[in-house]
């Protein structure tokens, strides 16, 4: 049975044990409860029928969170794990091997990613103030994924995914359009990186879903040392272009 205004919320008999996301009470399999498919949480009937309280106002600082912190921690974890494996397998030569052979690219990529996020974070810090709040390195609930940066202005919420590429300029390739569906591909260094755009749009969609009570619009963009590749793309931007867009959103009446 569907309840409320959204078809994603329905009353049902639970097939598994759970706990109410509202009050925390244990819910045994077989009892009637409210399942929120979008939020992927279950609530007891009491919490669902209780009047919804106004969201508590949270005062944010100009900048919250450390840019690149999650990526830096992952790099340190992988780097230390490799160090422990090598020194354990080769007690005498381990330090020599570590000095001669560098970390694999899959590990160094985390350090490079952290550096790129820190660069973007510094650019955002320069525009942060009374009209702009910046959130860095925000974890998505019930997920290992995170959002690199969120800039909140009076007229918009910017969801930003930072990427760093050296000596690889992006290009926009348009395919189809006559006898097949039109497709726009983001190429970086000749490789298809369109999933980057899909990923940041998913982050923006998640933000819009969980900030549905706000009246602001949502914008998504990848940020790197790039120039805009086309007017129909949400990404990418150079840091300078991005910060200019945020300033302009604050200047609009």
C-alpha atoms as a PDB file:
ATOM      1  CA  UNK A   1       0.000   0.000   0.000  1.00  0.00           C
ATOM      2  CA  UNK A   2       1.421   3.351  -1.009  1.00  0.00           C
ATOM      3  CA  UNK A   3       1.375   6.099   1.618  1.00  0.00           C
ATOM      4  CA  UNK A   4       2.171   9.791   1.561  1.00  0.00           C
ATOM      5  CA  UNK A   5       2.727  11.804  -1.583  1.00  0.00           C
ATOM      6  CA  UNK A   6       5.532   9.722  -3.085  1.00  0.00           C
ATOM      7  CA  UNK A   7       5.197   6.221  -4.551  1.00  0.00           C
ATOM      8  CA  UNK A   8       8.632   5.405  -3.134  1.00  0.00           C
ATOM      9  CA  UNK A   9       7.206   5.373   0.425  1.00  0.00           C
ATOM     10  CA  UNK A  10       4.911   2.478   1.250  1.00  0.00           C
ATOM     11  CA  UNK A  11       3.526   0.528   4.162  1.00  0.00           C
ATOM     12  CA  UNK A  12       4.514  -3.110   4.106  1.00  0.00           C
ATOM     13  CA  UNK A  13       5.127  -6.197   6.217  1.00  0.00           C
ATOM     14  CA  UNK A  14       8.867  -6.512   6.841  1.00  0.00           C
ATOM     15  CA  UNK A  15      10.594  -9.630   5.556  1.00  0.00           C
ATOM     16  CA  UNK A  16      13.698  -9.047   7.678  1.00  0.00           C
ATOM     17  CA  UNK A  17      14.508  -7.633  11.088  1.00  0.00           C
ATOM     18  CA  UNK A  18      15.392  -3.963  11.100  1.00  0.00           C
ATOM     19  CA  UNK A  19      15.445  -0.763  13.117  1.00  0.00           C
ATOM     20  CA  UNK A  20      13.450   2.435  12.753  1.00  0.00           C
ATOM     21  CA  UNK A  21      15.491   5.219  11.179  1.00  0.00           C
ATOM     22  CA  UNK A  22      13.542   7.735  13.244  1.00  0.00           C
ATOM     23  CA  UNK A  23      13.534   6.488  16.833  1.00  0.00           C
ATOM     24  CA  UNK A  24      15.862   3.489  16.586  1.00  0.00           C
ATOM     25  CA  UNK A  25      13.361   0.965  17.931  1.00  0.00           C
ATOM     26  CA  UNK A  26      13.912  -2.642  16.803  1.00  0.00           C
ATOM     27  CA  UNK A  27      11.480  -3.887  14.161  1.00  0.00           C
ATOM     28  CA  UNK A  28      11.002  -7.649  13.903  1.00  0.00           C
ATOM     29  CA  UNK A  29      10.326  -9.433  10.646  1.00  0.00           C
ATOM     30  CA  UNK A  30       6.597  -9.642   9.956  1.00  0.00           C
ATOM     31  CA  UNK A  31       5.513  -6.368  11.575  1.00  0.00           C
ATOM     32  CA  UNK A  32       3.939  -3.528   9.598  1.00  0.00           C
ATOM     33  CA  UNK A  33       6.327  -0.616   8.925  1.00  0.00           C
ATOM     34  CA  UNK A  34       7.011   2.126   6.394  1.00  0.00           C
ATOM     35  CA  UNK A  35       9.665   1.478   3.734  1.00  0.00           C
ATOM     36  CA  UNK A  36      11.296   4.457   2.002  1.00  0.00           C
ATOM     37  CA  UNK A  37      12.750   3.070  -1.214  1.00  0.00           C
ATOM     38  CA  UNK A  38      14.667   6.228  -2.184  1.00  0.00           C
ATOM     39  CA  UNK A  39      16.344   6.696   1.210  1.00  0.00           C
ATOM     40  CA  UNK A  40      16.545   2.908   1.729  1.00  0.00           C
ATOM     41  CA  UNK A  41      15.390   3.175   5.325  1.00  0.00           C
ATOM     42  CA  UNK A  42      12.497   1.770   7.323  1.00  0.00           C
ATOM     43  CA  UNK A  43      10.413   3.640   9.900  1.00  0.00           C
ATOM     44  CA  UNK A  44       7.920   2.452  12.490  1.00  0.00           C
ATOM     45  CA  UNK A  45       4.293   3.464  12.084  1.00  0.00           C
ATOM     46  CA  UNK A  46       4.557   5.847  15.037  1.00  0.00           C
ATOM     47  CA  UNK A  47       7.388   7.867  13.526  1.00  0.00           C
ATOM     48  CA  UNK A  48       5.669   7.936  10.144  1.00  0.00           C
ATOM     49  CA  UNK A  49       2.413   9.265  11.554  1.00  0.00           C
ATOM     50  CA  UNK A  50       4.103  11.787  13.861  1.00  0.00           C
ATOM     51  CA  UNK A  51       4.135  15.388  12.569  1.00  0.00           C
ATOM     52  CA  UNK A  52       7.354  16.267  10.799  1.00  0.00           C
ATOM     53  CA  UNK A  53       9.419  18.717  12.786  1.00  0.00           C
ATOM     54  CA  UNK A  54      11.013  21.651  11.055  1.00  0.00           C
ATOM     55  CA  UNK A  55      14.631  20.858  10.168  1.00  0.00           C
ATOM     56  CA  UNK A  56      17.102  22.205  12.683  1.00  0.00           C
ATOM     57  CA  UNK A  57      19.007  25.172  11.373  1.00  0.00           C
ATOM     58  CA  UNK A  58      22.714  24.418  11.148  1.00  0.00           C
ATOM     59  CA  UNK A  59      25.171  27.268  11.136  1.00  0.00           C
ATOM     60  CA  UNK A  60      28.058  26.533   8.793  1.00  0.00           C
ATOM     61  CA  UNK A  61      31.477  28.076   8.799  1.00  0.00           C
ATOM     62  CA  UNK A  62      32.727  29.587   5.573  1.00  0.00           C
ATOM     63  CA  UNK A  63      34.640  26.368   4.861  1.00  0.00           C
ATOM     64  CA  UNK A  64      33.850  22.973   6.400  1.00  0.00           C
ATOM     65  CA  UNK A  65      35.990  19.869   5.981  1.00  0.00           C
ATOM     66  CA  UNK A  66      39.491  19.279   4.627  1.00  0.00           C
ATOM     67  CA  UNK A  67      39.821  19.047   0.852  1.00  0.00           C
ATOM     68  CA  UNK A  68      41.374  15.780  -0.285  1.00  0.00           C
ATOM     69  CA  UNK A  69      41.394  14.252   3.198  1.00  0.00           C
ATOM     70  CA  UNK A  70      39.756  10.930   2.224  1.00  0.00           C
ATOM     71  CA  UNK A  71      42.022  10.448  -0.794  1.00  0.00           C
ATOM     72  CA  UNK A  72      45.105  11.270   1.295  1.00  0.00           C
ATOM     73  CA  UNK A  73      44.083   8.735   3.959  1.00  0.00           C
ATOM     74  CA  UNK A  74      43.534   6.052   1.319  1.00  0.00           C
ATOM     75  CA  UNK A  75      46.986   6.738  -0.130  1.00  0.00           C
ATOM     76  CA  UNK A  76      48.587   6.456   3.316  1.00  0.00           C
ATOM     77  CA  UNK A  77      46.700   3.203   3.986  1.00  0.00           C
ATOM     78  CA  UNK A  78      47.845   1.612   0.732  1.00  0.00           C
ATOM     79  CA  UNK A  79      51.393   2.955   1.084  1.00  0.00           C
ATOM     80  CA  UNK A  80      51.711   1.589   4.631  1.00  0.00           C
ATOM     81  CA  UNK A  81      50.156  -1.756   3.681  1.00  0.00           C
ATOM     82  CA  UNK A  82      52.734  -2.180   0.914  1.00  0.00           C
ATOM     83  CA  UNK A  83      55.515  -1.199   3.311  1.00  0.00           C
ATOM     84  CA  UNK A  84      54.365  -3.820   5.831  1.00  0.00           C
ATOM     85  CA  UNK A  85      54.053  -6.554   3.179  1.00  0.00           C
ATOM     86  CA  UNK A  86      57.520  -5.953   1.748  1.00  0.00           C
ATOM     87  CA  UNK A  87      59.331  -5.652   5.080  1.00  0.00           C
ATOM     88  CA  UNK A  88      57.546  -8.756   6.383  1.00  0.00           C
ATOM     89  CA  UNK A  89      58.409 -10.835   3.307  1.00  0.00           C
ATOM     90  CA  UNK A  90      61.994  -9.503   3.074  1.00  0.00           C
ATOM     91  CA  UNK A  91      63.224  -8.544   6.566  1.00  0.00           C
ATOM     92  CA  UNK A  92      66.762  -7.766   5.396  1.00  0.00           C
ATOM     93  CA  UNK A  93      66.200  -6.269   1.966  1.00  0.00           C
ATOM     94  CA  UNK A  94      62.749  -4.753   2.483  1.00  0.00           C
ATOM     95  CA  UNK A  95      63.898  -1.170   3.005  1.00  0.00           C
ATOM     96  CA  UNK A  96      66.186  -1.391  -0.029  1.00  0.00           C
ATOM     97  CA  UNK A  97      63.369  -2.715  -2.214  1.00  0.00           C
ATOM     98  CA  UNK A  98      61.055   0.060  -1.045  1.00  0.00           C
ATOM     99  CA  UNK A  99      63.689   2.673  -1.832  1.00  0.00           C
ATOM    100  CA  UNK A 100      64.339   1.291  -5.312  1.00  0.00           C
ATOM    101  CA  UNK A 101      60.773   0.485  -6.385  1.00  0.00           C
ATOM    102  CA  UNK A 102      58.117   3.151  -6.082  1.00  0.00           C
ATOM    103  CA  UNK A 103      54.475   2.647  -5.138  1.00  0.00           C
ATOM    104  CA  UNK A 104      52.308   1.248  -7.975  1.00  0.00           C
ATOM    105  CA  UNK A 105      50.285   3.718 -10.026  1.00  0.00           C
ATOM    106  CA  UNK A 106      47.075   2.505  -8.416  1.00  0.00           C
ATOM    107  CA  UNK A 107      48.448   3.799  -5.094  1.00  0.00           C
ATOM    108  CA  UNK A 108      50.041   6.991  -6.402  1.00  0.00           C
ATOM    109  CA  UNK A 109      46.744   7.914  -8.089  1.00  0.00           C
ATOM    110  CA  UNK A 110      45.253   8.535  -4.640  1.00  0.00           C
ATOM    111  CA  UNK A 111      48.000  11.016  -3.779  1.00  0.00           C
ATOM    112  CA  UNK A 112      47.548  12.760  -7.135  1.00  0.00           C
ATOM    113  CA  UNK A 113      43.798  12.904  -6.560  1.00  0.00           C
ATOM    114  CA  UNK A 114      44.288  14.392  -3.102  1.00  0.00           C
ATOM    115  CA  UNK A 115      46.589  17.045  -4.562  1.00  0.00           C
ATOM    116  CA  UNK A 116      43.992  17.968  -7.191  1.00  0.00           C
ATOM    117  CA  UNK A 117      41.232  18.238  -4.597  1.00  0.00           C
ATOM    118  CA  UNK A 118      43.436  20.416  -2.402  1.00  0.00           C
ATOM    119  CA  UNK A 119      44.066  22.751  -5.335  1.00  0.00           C
ATOM    120  CA  UNK A 120      40.342  23.071  -6.050  1.00  0.00           C
ATOM    121  CA  UNK A 121      39.638  23.466  -2.346  1.00  0.00           C
ATOM    122  CA  UNK A 122      42.039  26.390  -2.150  1.00  0.00           C
ATOM    123  CA  UNK A 123      40.316  28.084  -5.096  1.00  0.00           C
ATOM    124  CA  UNK A 124      36.945  27.622  -3.410  1.00  0.00           C
ATOM    125  CA  UNK A 125      38.313  28.946  -0.118  1.00  0.00           C
ATOM    126  CA  UNK A 126      39.077  32.230  -1.842  1.00  0.00           C
ATOM    127  CA  UNK A 127      35.398  32.755  -2.743  1.00  0.00           C
ATOM    128  CA  UNK A 128      33.981  31.443   0.542  1.00  0.00           C
ATOM    129  CA  UNK A 129      32.319  34.022   2.752  1.00  0.00           C
ATOM    130  CA  UNK A 130      28.954  35.366   3.792  1.00  0.00           C
ATOM    131  CA  UNK A 131      27.399  34.530   0.405  1.00  0.00           C
ATOM    132  CA  UNK A 132      29.156  31.205  -0.215  1.00  0.00           C
ATOM    133  CA  UNK A 133      29.670  28.212   2.049  1.00  0.00           C
ATOM    134  CA  UNK A 134      32.047  25.448   1.005  1.00  0.00           C
ATOM    135  CA  UNK A 135      31.856  21.821   2.136  1.00  0.00           C
ATOM    136  CA  UNK A 136      34.856  19.626   1.327  1.00  0.00           C
ATOM    137  CA  UNK A 137      35.164  15.843   1.258  1.00  0.00           C
ATOM    138  CA  UNK A 138      31.601  14.903   2.201  1.00  0.00           C
ATOM    139  CA  UNK A 139      30.807  11.214   2.629  1.00  0.00           C
ATOM    140  CA  UNK A 140      27.606   9.935   0.993  1.00  0.00           C
ATOM    141  CA  UNK A 141      25.601   8.067   3.687  1.00  0.00           C
ATOM    142  CA  UNK A 142      25.512   4.264   3.433  1.00  0.00           C
ATOM    143  CA  UNK A 143      28.234   4.379   0.785  1.00  0.00           C
ATOM    144  CA  UNK A 144      32.015   4.402   0.519  1.00  0.00           C
ATOM    145  CA  UNK A 145      31.774   7.185  -2.054  1.00  0.00           C
ATOM    146  CA  UNK A 146      32.228  10.862  -1.293  1.00  0.00           C
ATOM    147  CA  UNK A 147      31.605  14.239  -2.900  1.00  0.00           C
ATOM    148  CA  UNK A 148      34.816  16.223  -3.339  1.00  0.00           C
ATOM    149  CA  UNK A 149      33.339  19.698  -2.899  1.00  0.00           C
ATOM    150  CA  UNK A 150      29.970  21.370  -2.445  1.00  0.00           C
ATOM    151  CA  UNK A 151      29.641  25.142  -2.802  1.00  0.00           C
ATOM    152  CA  UNK A 152      26.391  26.608  -1.467  1.00  0.00           C
ATOM    153  CA  UNK A 153      25.395  30.089  -2.618  1.00  0.00           C
ATOM    154  CA  UNK A 154      22.174  32.075  -2.393  1.00  0.00           C
ATOM    155  CA  UNK A 155      20.996  30.959  -5.822  1.00  0.00           C
ATOM    156  CA  UNK A 156      22.553  27.565  -6.322  1.00  0.00           C
ATOM    157  CA  UNK A 157      24.305  24.510  -4.955  1.00  0.00           C
ATOM    158  CA  UNK A 158      27.423  23.508  -6.921  1.00  0.00           C
ATOM    159  CA  UNK A 159      28.412  19.834  -6.714  1.00  0.00           C
ATOM    160  CA  UNK A 160      32.044  19.556  -7.807  1.00  0.00           C
ATOM    161  CA  UNK A 161      34.118  16.494  -8.697  1.00  0.00           C
ATOM    162  CA  UNK A 162      37.824  17.359  -8.955  1.00  0.00           C
ATOM    163  CA  UNK A 163      40.047  15.563 -11.461  1.00  0.00           C
ATOM    164  CA  UNK A 164      43.695  16.137 -12.265  1.00  0.00           C
ATOM    165  CA  UNK A 165      45.275  15.382 -15.644  1.00  0.00           C
ATOM    166  CA  UNK A 166      48.670  16.542 -16.823  1.00  0.00           C
ATOM    167  CA  UNK A 167      49.256  17.444 -20.468  1.00  0.00           C
ATOM    168  CA  UNK A 168      45.944  15.904 -21.498  1.00  0.00           C
ATOM    169  CA  UNK A 169      43.384  18.362 -22.800  1.00  0.00           C
ATOM    170  CA  UNK A 170      39.787  17.199 -23.110  1.00  0.00           C
ATOM    171  CA  UNK A 171      37.848  17.149 -26.346  1.00  0.00           C
ATOM    172  CA  UNK A 172      34.162  16.776 -27.095  1.00  0.00           C
ATOM    173  CA  UNK A 173      33.215  14.129 -29.663  1.00  0.00           C
ATOM    174  CA  UNK A 174      29.679  14.081 -31.043  1.00  0.00           C
ATOM    175  CA  UNK A 175      28.493  10.833 -32.597  1.00  0.00           C
ATOM    176  CA  UNK A 176      25.265   9.866 -34.342  1.00  0.00           C
ATOM    177  CA  UNK A 177      22.419  12.280 -34.856  1.00  0.00           C
ATOM    178  CA  UNK A 178      21.131  11.206 -38.279  1.00  0.00           C
ATOM    179  CA  UNK A 179      20.324   7.504 -38.248  1.00  0.00           C
ATOM    180  CA  UNK A 180      21.308   6.819 -34.653  1.00  0.00           C
ATOM    181  CA  UNK A 181      20.853   8.646 -31.353  1.00  0.00           C
ATOM    182  CA  UNK A 182      23.124  11.621 -30.809  1.00  0.00           C
ATOM    183  CA  UNK A 183      25.854  10.973 -28.238  1.00  0.00           C
ATOM    184  CA  UNK A 184      28.358  13.363 -26.703  1.00  0.00           C
ATOM    185  CA  UNK A 185      31.585  11.821 -25.437  1.00  0.00           C
ATOM    186  CA  UNK A 186      34.169  13.433 -23.197  1.00  0.00           C
ATOM    187  CA  UNK A 187      37.654  12.376 -24.323  1.00  0.00           C
ATOM    188  CA  UNK A 188      40.776  13.023 -22.253  1.00  0.00           C
ATOM    189  CA  UNK A 189      44.068  12.036 -23.831  1.00  0.00           C
ATOM    190  CA  UNK A 190      42.115  10.157 -26.491  1.00  0.00           C
ATOM    191  CA  UNK A 191      40.302   7.991 -23.924  1.00  0.00           C
ATOM    192  CA  UNK A 192      36.590   8.055 -23.249  1.00  0.00           C
ATOM    193  CA  UNK A 193      36.023   9.689 -19.855  1.00  0.00           C
ATOM    194  CA  UNK A 194      32.276  10.241 -20.190  1.00  0.00           C
ATOM    195  CA  UNK A 195      31.588   8.215 -17.014  1.00  0.00           C
ATOM    196  CA  UNK A 196      33.119  11.139 -15.102  1.00  0.00           C
ATOM    197  CA  UNK A 197      30.217  13.300 -16.221  1.00  0.00           C
ATOM    198  CA  UNK A 198      27.705  10.571 -15.370  1.00  0.00           C
ATOM    199  CA  UNK A 199      29.268  10.240 -11.933  1.00  0.00           C
ATOM    200  CA  UNK A 200      29.024  13.904 -11.037  1.00  0.00           C
ATOM    201  CA  UNK A 201      25.425  14.025 -12.234  1.00  0.00           C
ATOM    202  CA  UNK A 202      24.632  11.133  -9.896  1.00  0.00           C
ATOM    203  CA  UNK A 203      26.188  13.110  -7.054  1.00  0.00           C
ATOM    204  CA  UNK A 204      24.073  16.129  -7.969  1.00  0.00           C
ATOM    205  CA  UNK A 205      20.940  13.957  -8.132  1.00  0.00           C
ATOM    206  CA  UNK A 206      21.705  12.538  -4.698  1.00  0.00           C
ATOM    207  CA  UNK A 207      22.174  16.063  -3.348  1.00  0.00           C
ATOM    208  CA  UNK A 208      18.894  17.220  -4.884  1.00  0.00           C
ATOM    209  CA  UNK A 209      17.050  14.250  -3.379  1.00  0.00           C
ATOM    210  CA  UNK A 210      18.419  14.801   0.122  1.00  0.00           C
ATOM    211  CA  UNK A 211      18.129  18.600   0.009  1.00  0.00           C
ATOM    212  CA  UNK A 212      14.587  18.577  -1.396  1.00  0.00           C
ATOM    213  CA  UNK A 213      13.464  21.037   1.286  1.00  0.00           C
ATOM    214  CA  UNK A 214      15.729  23.785  -0.038  1.00  0.00           C
ATOM    215  CA  UNK A 215      14.630  26.280  -2.673  1.00  0.00           C
ATOM    216  CA  UNK A 216      17.986  26.464  -4.419  1.00  0.00           C
ATOM    217  CA  UNK A 217      18.840  25.078  -7.809  1.00  0.00           C
ATOM    218  CA  UNK A 218      21.502  22.407  -8.189  1.00  0.00           C
ATOM    219  CA  UNK A 219      24.442  22.542 -10.570  1.00  0.00           C
ATOM    220  CA  UNK A 220      27.029  19.853 -11.290  1.00  0.00           C
ATOM    221  CA  UNK A 221      30.503  20.129 -12.709  1.00  0.00           C
ATOM    222  CA  UNK A 222      33.808  18.336 -12.941  1.00  0.00           C
ATOM    223  CA  UNK A 223      36.649  20.654 -12.071  1.00  0.00           C
ATOM    224  CA  UNK A 224      40.207  20.357 -13.331  1.00  0.00           C
ATOM    225  CA  UNK A 225      42.761  22.324 -15.308  1.00  0.00           C
ATOM    226  CA  UNK A 226      40.410  22.325 -18.293  1.00  0.00           C
ATOM    227  CA  UNK A 227      38.377  24.764 -20.335  1.00  0.00           C
ATOM    228  CA  UNK A 228      34.666  24.203 -21.025  1.00  0.00           C
ATOM    229  CA  UNK A 229      34.234  21.729 -23.883  1.00  0.00           C
ATOM    230  CA  UNK A 230      30.730  22.585 -24.958  1.00  0.00           C
ATOM    231  CA  UNK A 231      27.652  24.544 -23.944  1.00  0.00           C
ATOM    232  CA  UNK A 232      25.524  21.426 -23.402  1.00  0.00           C
ATOM    233  CA  UNK A 233      27.976  19.880 -20.954  1.00  0.00           C
ATOM    234  CA  UNK A 234      27.902  20.338 -17.193  1.00  0.00           C
ATOM    235  CA  UNK A 235      31.626  19.593 -17.108  1.00  0.00           C
ATOM    236  CA  UNK A 236      34.442  20.320 -17.157  1.00  0.00           C
ATOM    237  CA  UNK A 237      35.519  23.728 -15.847  1.00  0.00           C
ATOM    238  CA  UNK A 238      38.821  25.282 -14.984  1.00  0.00           C
ATOM    239  CA  UNK A 239      39.082  26.280 -11.331  1.00  0.00           C
ATOM    240  CA  UNK A 240      39.104  29.932 -12.392  1.00  0.00           C
ATOM    241  CA  UNK A 241      35.979  29.459 -14.517  1.00  0.00           C
ATOM    242  CA  UNK A 242      34.253  27.624 -11.689  1.00  0.00           C
ATOM    243  CA  UNK A 243      34.942  30.250  -9.044  1.00  0.00           C
ATOM    244  CA  UNK A 244      33.829  32.980 -11.454  1.00  0.00           C
ATOM    245  CA  UNK A 245      30.529  31.129 -11.955  1.00  0.00           C
ATOM    246  CA  UNK A 246      29.998  30.949  -8.201  1.00  0.00           C
ATOM    247  CA  UNK A 247      30.731  34.656  -7.803  1.00  0.00           C
ATOM    248  CA  UNK A 248      28.255  35.478 -10.594  1.00  0.00           C
ATOM    249  CA  UNK A 249      25.548  33.372  -8.919  1.00  0.00           C
ATOM    250  CA  UNK A 250      25.958  35.463  -5.759  1.00  0.00           C
ATOM    251  CA  UNK A 251      25.855  38.751  -7.661  1.00  0.00           C
ATOM    252  CA  UNK A 252      22.501  38.023  -9.330  1.00  0.00           C
ATOM    253  CA  UNK A 253      19.554  39.854  -7.755  1.00  0.00           C
END
